[in-house]
N, C-alpha and C. Protein backbone atom coordinates (compact mmCIF):
# COMPACT_ATOMS: atom_id res chain seq x y z
N UNK A 1 -2.49 -20.89 -27.00
CA UNK A 1 -3.28 -20.19 -26.00
C UNK A 1 -3.70 -18.84 -26.58
N UNK A 2 -4.98 -18.48 -26.42
CA UNK A 2 -5.43 -17.19 -26.96
C UNK A 2 -4.81 -16.03 -26.20
N UNK A 3 -4.60 -14.96 -26.92
CA UNK A 3 -4.03 -13.76 -26.32
C UNK A 3 -5.12 -13.03 -25.53
N UNK A 4 -4.79 -12.62 -24.30
CA UNK A 4 -5.73 -11.90 -23.46
C UNK A 4 -5.26 -10.47 -23.28
N UNK A 5 -6.21 -9.58 -23.24
CA UNK A 5 -5.89 -8.19 -22.94
C UNK A 5 -5.83 -8.02 -21.43
N UNK A 6 -4.73 -7.50 -20.96
CA UNK A 6 -4.58 -7.25 -19.52
C UNK A 6 -5.14 -5.87 -19.25
N UNK A 7 -6.08 -5.78 -18.32
CA UNK A 7 -6.72 -4.50 -18.06
C UNK A 7 -6.20 -3.79 -16.82
N UNK A 8 -5.49 -4.49 -15.96
CA UNK A 8 -4.90 -3.86 -14.78
C UNK A 8 -3.74 -4.71 -14.27
N UNK A 9 -2.91 -4.09 -13.45
CA UNK A 9 -1.70 -4.75 -12.95
C UNK A 9 -1.62 -4.65 -11.44
N UNK A 10 -1.21 -5.74 -10.80
CA UNK A 10 -0.87 -5.77 -9.39
C UNK A 10 0.57 -6.23 -9.30
N UNK A 11 1.40 -5.51 -8.55
CA UNK A 11 2.80 -5.91 -8.44
C UNK A 11 3.33 -5.65 -7.04
N UNK A 12 4.22 -6.51 -6.63
CA UNK A 12 4.87 -6.33 -5.34
C UNK A 12 5.91 -5.22 -5.47
N UNK A 13 6.23 -4.59 -4.38
CA UNK A 13 7.20 -3.52 -4.41
C UNK A 13 8.63 -4.05 -4.22
N UNK A 14 8.88 -4.64 -3.06
CA UNK A 14 10.23 -5.10 -2.74
C UNK A 14 10.57 -6.36 -3.53
N UNK A 15 11.65 -6.28 -4.28
CA UNK A 15 12.09 -7.40 -5.08
C UNK A 15 11.53 -7.40 -6.50
N UNK A 16 10.52 -6.58 -6.76
CA UNK A 16 9.94 -6.48 -8.10
C UNK A 16 10.25 -5.11 -8.70
N UNK A 17 9.98 -4.05 -7.95
CA UNK A 17 10.30 -2.70 -8.40
C UNK A 17 11.62 -2.20 -7.83
N UNK A 18 11.88 -2.54 -6.57
CA UNK A 18 13.12 -2.11 -5.92
C UNK A 18 13.74 -3.27 -5.16
N UNK A 19 15.05 -3.20 -5.04
CA UNK A 19 15.79 -4.10 -4.17
C UNK A 19 16.59 -3.19 -3.25
N UNK A 20 16.24 -3.25 -1.95
CA UNK A 20 16.77 -2.31 -0.97
C UNK A 20 16.44 -0.90 -1.44
N UNK A 21 17.39 -0.06 -1.76
CA UNK A 21 17.08 1.31 -2.20
C UNK A 21 17.30 1.52 -3.69
N UNK A 22 17.53 0.46 -4.43
CA UNK A 22 17.82 0.57 -5.86
C UNK A 22 16.65 0.06 -6.69
N UNK A 23 16.31 0.81 -7.73
CA UNK A 23 15.26 0.37 -8.65
C UNK A 23 15.76 -0.84 -9.43
N UNK A 24 14.88 -1.80 -9.63
CA UNK A 24 15.19 -2.96 -10.47
C UNK A 24 15.28 -2.46 -11.91
N UNK A 25 16.28 -2.92 -12.68
CA UNK A 25 16.38 -2.47 -14.08
C UNK A 25 15.07 -2.71 -14.84
N UNK A 26 14.62 -1.66 -15.52
CA UNK A 26 13.40 -1.72 -16.32
C UNK A 26 12.14 -1.30 -15.57
N UNK A 27 12.22 -1.16 -14.25
CA UNK A 27 11.03 -0.83 -13.46
C UNK A 27 10.47 0.55 -13.82
N UNK A 28 11.34 1.54 -13.96
CA UNK A 28 10.89 2.90 -14.27
C UNK A 28 10.20 2.93 -15.64
N UNK A 29 10.77 2.25 -16.60
CA UNK A 29 10.18 2.21 -17.93
C UNK A 29 8.83 1.50 -17.93
N UNK A 30 8.74 0.42 -17.15
CA UNK A 30 7.48 -0.31 -17.05
C UNK A 30 6.38 0.57 -16.46
N UNK A 31 6.69 1.26 -15.35
CA UNK A 31 5.71 2.14 -14.72
C UNK A 31 5.31 3.28 -15.66
N UNK A 32 6.27 3.82 -16.37
CA UNK A 32 5.98 4.90 -17.33
C UNK A 32 5.04 4.40 -18.43
N UNK A 33 5.27 3.20 -18.91
CA UNK A 33 4.42 2.63 -19.96
C UNK A 33 2.99 2.42 -19.44
N UNK A 34 2.85 1.96 -18.21
CA UNK A 34 1.51 1.80 -17.63
C UNK A 34 0.79 3.14 -17.57
N UNK A 35 1.49 4.18 -17.13
CA UNK A 35 0.89 5.52 -17.05
C UNK A 35 0.51 6.04 -18.44
N UNK A 36 1.40 5.88 -19.42
CA UNK A 36 1.13 6.34 -20.78
C UNK A 36 -0.10 5.67 -21.37
N UNK A 37 -0.27 4.40 -21.08
CA UNK A 37 -1.41 3.64 -21.61
C UNK A 37 -2.64 3.74 -20.71
N UNK A 38 -2.50 4.52 -19.63
CA UNK A 38 -3.59 4.73 -18.67
C UNK A 38 -4.15 3.41 -18.15
N UNK A 39 -3.24 2.46 -17.90
CA UNK A 39 -3.63 1.17 -17.33
C UNK A 39 -3.61 1.26 -15.80
N UNK A 40 -4.68 0.87 -15.15
CA UNK A 40 -4.68 0.91 -13.69
C UNK A 40 -3.70 -0.10 -13.11
N UNK A 41 -3.06 0.30 -12.02
CA UNK A 41 -2.14 -0.62 -11.34
C UNK A 41 -2.06 -0.27 -9.87
N UNK A 42 -1.68 -1.28 -9.09
CA UNK A 42 -1.40 -1.10 -7.67
C UNK A 42 -0.07 -1.73 -7.35
N UNK A 43 0.69 -1.05 -6.52
CA UNK A 43 1.92 -1.60 -5.98
C UNK A 43 1.57 -2.10 -4.58
N UNK A 44 1.83 -3.36 -4.34
CA UNK A 44 1.46 -4.00 -3.08
C UNK A 44 2.69 -4.24 -2.22
N UNK A 45 2.51 -4.16 -0.91
CA UNK A 45 3.59 -4.51 0.00
C UNK A 45 3.01 -5.03 1.31
N UNK A 46 3.70 -5.98 1.89
CA UNK A 46 3.29 -6.47 3.21
C UNK A 46 4.00 -5.70 4.31
N UNK A 47 4.65 -4.61 3.97
CA UNK A 47 5.33 -3.75 4.92
C UNK A 47 4.29 -2.80 5.53
N UNK A 48 3.99 -2.98 6.80
CA UNK A 48 2.98 -2.15 7.47
C UNK A 48 3.59 -0.99 8.24
N UNK A 49 4.89 -0.83 8.17
CA UNK A 49 5.57 0.21 8.95
C UNK A 49 5.29 1.61 8.39
N UNK A 50 5.27 1.72 7.07
CA UNK A 50 5.19 3.03 6.41
C UNK A 50 3.82 3.29 5.80
N UNK A 51 3.47 4.56 5.69
CA UNK A 51 2.25 4.96 5.01
C UNK A 51 2.51 4.94 3.50
N UNK A 52 1.45 4.95 2.69
CA UNK A 52 1.66 5.05 1.25
C UNK A 52 2.46 6.30 0.86
N UNK A 53 2.26 7.41 1.57
CA UNK A 53 3.04 8.62 1.28
C UNK A 53 4.53 8.38 1.51
N UNK A 54 4.85 7.72 2.63
CA UNK A 54 6.25 7.40 2.92
C UNK A 54 6.84 6.52 1.82
N UNK A 55 6.08 5.52 1.41
CA UNK A 55 6.57 4.58 0.40
C UNK A 55 6.71 5.24 -0.96
N UNK A 56 5.79 6.14 -1.32
CA UNK A 56 5.91 6.87 -2.59
C UNK A 56 7.19 7.70 -2.59
N UNK A 57 7.50 8.33 -1.45
CA UNK A 57 8.73 9.12 -1.34
C UNK A 57 9.95 8.21 -1.45
N UNK A 58 9.89 7.05 -0.82
CA UNK A 58 11.00 6.09 -0.91
C UNK A 58 11.22 5.65 -2.35
N UNK A 59 10.15 5.38 -3.05
CA UNK A 59 10.27 4.97 -4.45
C UNK A 59 10.84 6.10 -5.30
N UNK A 60 10.42 7.35 -5.03
CA UNK A 60 10.96 8.49 -5.79
C UNK A 60 12.47 8.61 -5.63
N UNK A 61 12.98 8.35 -4.41
CA UNK A 61 14.43 8.43 -4.23
C UNK A 61 15.15 7.34 -5.00
N UNK A 62 14.42 6.30 -5.37
CA UNK A 62 14.99 5.23 -6.20
C UNK A 62 14.77 5.50 -7.68
N UNK A 63 14.13 6.62 -8.02
CA UNK A 63 13.89 6.97 -9.41
C UNK A 63 12.57 6.45 -9.97
N UNK A 64 11.67 6.01 -9.10
CA UNK A 64 10.39 5.46 -9.54
C UNK A 64 9.26 6.38 -9.10
N UNK A 65 8.40 6.73 -10.04
CA UNK A 65 7.28 7.61 -9.73
C UNK A 65 6.02 6.76 -9.60
N UNK A 66 5.54 6.66 -8.35
CA UNK A 66 4.31 5.93 -8.06
C UNK A 66 3.49 6.80 -7.12
N UNK A 67 2.31 7.26 -7.57
CA UNK A 67 1.47 8.07 -6.68
C UNK A 67 1.07 7.25 -5.45
N UNK A 68 0.94 7.92 -4.33
CA UNK A 68 0.58 7.20 -3.10
C UNK A 68 -0.76 6.50 -3.24
N UNK A 69 -1.64 7.01 -4.08
CA UNK A 69 -2.95 6.38 -4.29
C UNK A 69 -2.83 5.02 -5.00
N UNK A 70 -1.65 4.74 -5.54
CA UNK A 70 -1.41 3.48 -6.24
C UNK A 70 -0.63 2.48 -5.39
N UNK A 71 -0.52 2.76 -4.08
CA UNK A 71 0.21 1.88 -3.18
C UNK A 71 -0.76 1.30 -2.17
N UNK A 72 -0.77 -0.01 -2.01
CA UNK A 72 -1.66 -0.70 -1.09
C UNK A 72 -0.81 -1.53 -0.14
N UNK A 73 -0.92 -1.26 1.16
CA UNK A 73 -0.10 -1.93 2.16
C UNK A 73 -0.92 -2.92 2.98
N UNK A 74 -0.23 -3.77 3.70
CA UNK A 74 -0.92 -4.70 4.60
C UNK A 74 -1.64 -3.93 5.71
N UNK A 75 -1.13 -2.76 6.08
CA UNK A 75 -1.81 -1.94 7.08
C UNK A 75 -3.15 -1.44 6.55
N UNK A 76 -3.20 -1.03 5.28
CA UNK A 76 -4.46 -0.60 4.68
C UNK A 76 -5.44 -1.76 4.60
N UNK A 77 -4.94 -2.94 4.27
CA UNK A 77 -5.81 -4.12 4.20
C UNK A 77 -6.38 -4.45 5.59
N UNK A 78 -5.55 -4.35 6.62
CA UNK A 78 -6.00 -4.60 7.99
C UNK A 78 -7.07 -3.59 8.40
N UNK A 79 -6.81 -2.32 8.11
CA UNK A 79 -7.78 -1.28 8.47
C UNK A 79 -9.10 -1.48 7.74
N UNK A 80 -9.04 -1.83 6.48
CA UNK A 80 -10.28 -2.08 5.72
C UNK A 80 -11.04 -3.26 6.30
N UNK A 81 -10.31 -4.34 6.63
CA UNK A 81 -10.95 -5.52 7.22
C UNK A 81 -11.64 -5.17 8.53
N UNK A 82 -10.92 -4.46 9.42
CA UNK A 82 -11.51 -4.10 10.71
C UNK A 82 -12.71 -3.18 10.54
N UNK A 83 -12.60 -2.23 9.63
CA UNK A 83 -13.72 -1.32 9.37
C UNK A 83 -14.94 -2.10 8.87
N UNK A 84 -14.71 -3.06 8.00
CA UNK A 84 -15.82 -3.88 7.49
C UNK A 84 -16.45 -4.71 8.61
N UNK A 85 -15.63 -5.18 9.55
CA UNK A 85 -16.12 -6.01 10.64
C UNK A 85 -16.81 -5.19 11.72
N UNK A 86 -16.23 -4.03 12.03
CA UNK A 86 -16.76 -3.18 13.10
C UNK A 86 -16.45 -1.73 12.80
N UNK A 87 -17.30 -1.09 11.99
CA UNK A 87 -17.07 0.33 11.66
C UNK A 87 -17.03 1.18 12.93
N UNK A 88 -16.10 2.13 12.97
CA UNK A 88 -16.00 3.05 14.10
C UNK A 88 -15.55 2.41 15.39
N UNK A 89 -14.88 1.27 15.30
CA UNK A 89 -14.44 0.56 16.49
C UNK A 89 -13.23 1.19 17.14
N UNK A 90 -12.72 0.49 18.13
CA UNK A 90 -11.50 0.91 18.80
C UNK A 90 -10.59 -0.29 18.92
N UNK A 91 -9.30 -0.02 19.05
CA UNK A 91 -8.34 -1.12 19.10
C UNK A 91 -7.12 -0.73 19.90
N UNK A 92 -6.54 -1.72 20.56
CA UNK A 92 -5.23 -1.57 21.17
C UNK A 92 -4.24 -2.01 20.10
N UNK A 93 -3.37 -1.10 19.67
CA UNK A 93 -2.53 -1.36 18.50
C UNK A 93 -1.06 -1.38 18.89
N UNK A 94 -0.38 -2.39 18.44
CA UNK A 94 1.07 -2.45 18.54
C UNK A 94 1.57 -2.39 17.10
N UNK A 95 2.09 -1.25 16.72
CA UNK A 95 2.53 -1.09 15.33
C UNK A 95 3.08 0.30 15.10
N UNK A 96 3.58 0.49 13.89
CA UNK A 96 4.21 1.75 13.51
C UNK A 96 3.19 2.68 12.84
N UNK A 97 3.68 3.80 12.34
CA UNK A 97 2.83 4.84 11.75
C UNK A 97 1.98 4.33 10.60
N UNK A 98 2.48 3.41 9.82
CA UNK A 98 1.70 2.90 8.70
C UNK A 98 0.40 2.28 9.17
N UNK A 99 0.45 1.50 10.24
CA UNK A 99 -0.74 0.85 10.76
C UNK A 99 -1.62 1.83 11.52
N UNK A 100 -1.04 2.63 12.38
CA UNK A 100 -1.87 3.55 13.16
C UNK A 100 -2.55 4.58 12.27
N UNK A 101 -1.87 5.07 11.26
CA UNK A 101 -2.47 6.03 10.33
C UNK A 101 -3.61 5.39 9.57
N UNK A 102 -3.41 4.17 9.07
CA UNK A 102 -4.47 3.48 8.33
C UNK A 102 -5.69 3.26 9.19
N UNK A 103 -5.50 2.90 10.45
CA UNK A 103 -6.63 2.69 11.35
C UNK A 103 -7.35 4.00 11.65
N UNK A 104 -6.61 5.07 11.88
CA UNK A 104 -7.24 6.37 12.10
C UNK A 104 -8.08 6.77 10.89
N UNK A 105 -7.51 6.61 9.70
CA UNK A 105 -8.23 6.99 8.48
C UNK A 105 -9.46 6.12 8.25
N UNK A 106 -9.47 4.91 8.80
CA UNK A 106 -10.63 4.03 8.68
C UNK A 106 -11.67 4.32 9.77
N UNK A 107 -11.39 5.31 10.61
CA UNK A 107 -12.35 5.71 11.62
C UNK A 107 -12.17 5.03 12.97
N UNK A 108 -11.05 4.37 13.15
CA UNK A 108 -10.81 3.68 14.42
C UNK A 108 -10.20 4.61 15.45
N UNK A 109 -10.51 4.34 16.72
CA UNK A 109 -9.91 5.02 17.85
C UNK A 109 -8.89 4.06 18.45
N UNK A 110 -7.70 4.55 18.69
CA UNK A 110 -6.66 3.73 19.30
C UNK A 110 -6.69 3.96 20.80
N UNK A 111 -6.70 2.87 21.54
CA UNK A 111 -6.83 2.99 22.98
C UNK A 111 -6.05 1.87 23.67
N UNK A 112 -5.64 2.14 24.89
CA UNK A 112 -5.01 1.11 25.72
C UNK A 112 -6.00 0.53 26.72
N UNK A 113 -7.18 1.12 26.78
CA UNK A 113 -8.19 0.68 27.75
C UNK A 113 -9.48 0.24 27.06
N UNK A 114 -9.85 -0.96 27.33
CA UNK A 114 -11.14 -1.50 26.90
C UNK A 114 -11.46 -1.28 25.42
N UNK A 115 -10.63 -1.76 24.52
CA UNK A 115 -10.99 -1.64 23.10
C UNK A 115 -12.27 -2.43 22.84
N UNK A 116 -13.10 -1.94 21.93
CA UNK A 116 -14.36 -2.59 21.60
C UNK A 116 -14.09 -3.74 20.65
N UNK A 117 -14.30 -4.96 21.13
CA UNK A 117 -14.05 -6.12 20.30
C UNK A 117 -15.31 -6.90 19.99
N UNK A 118 -16.43 -6.49 20.53
CA UNK A 118 -17.68 -7.21 20.26
C UNK A 118 -18.67 -6.33 19.56
């Protein structure tokens, strides 16, 4: 098989970089190597509870340095999807700060009355 140059990395957070509050062995060195080589990467998580800032702080306490701009959550994906479907919309949201913050930053108004769905 021919050797391919990898130009960017996508990786899961839980179970790949950290397990509970502990860094997976080799994770810090891997992230450092990506930064040294200026390779773009994103850390992905389906955890919508926390904002990227919260998650970057959590990773730092585990000894891993990941800028919040390199963290992509399911809440951010949801906010992007809704913004693409209905920019400036409103929504009734059941969720934590990660989701509500992402929706606010995408220009959504959170409401309990008559959210715009059409």
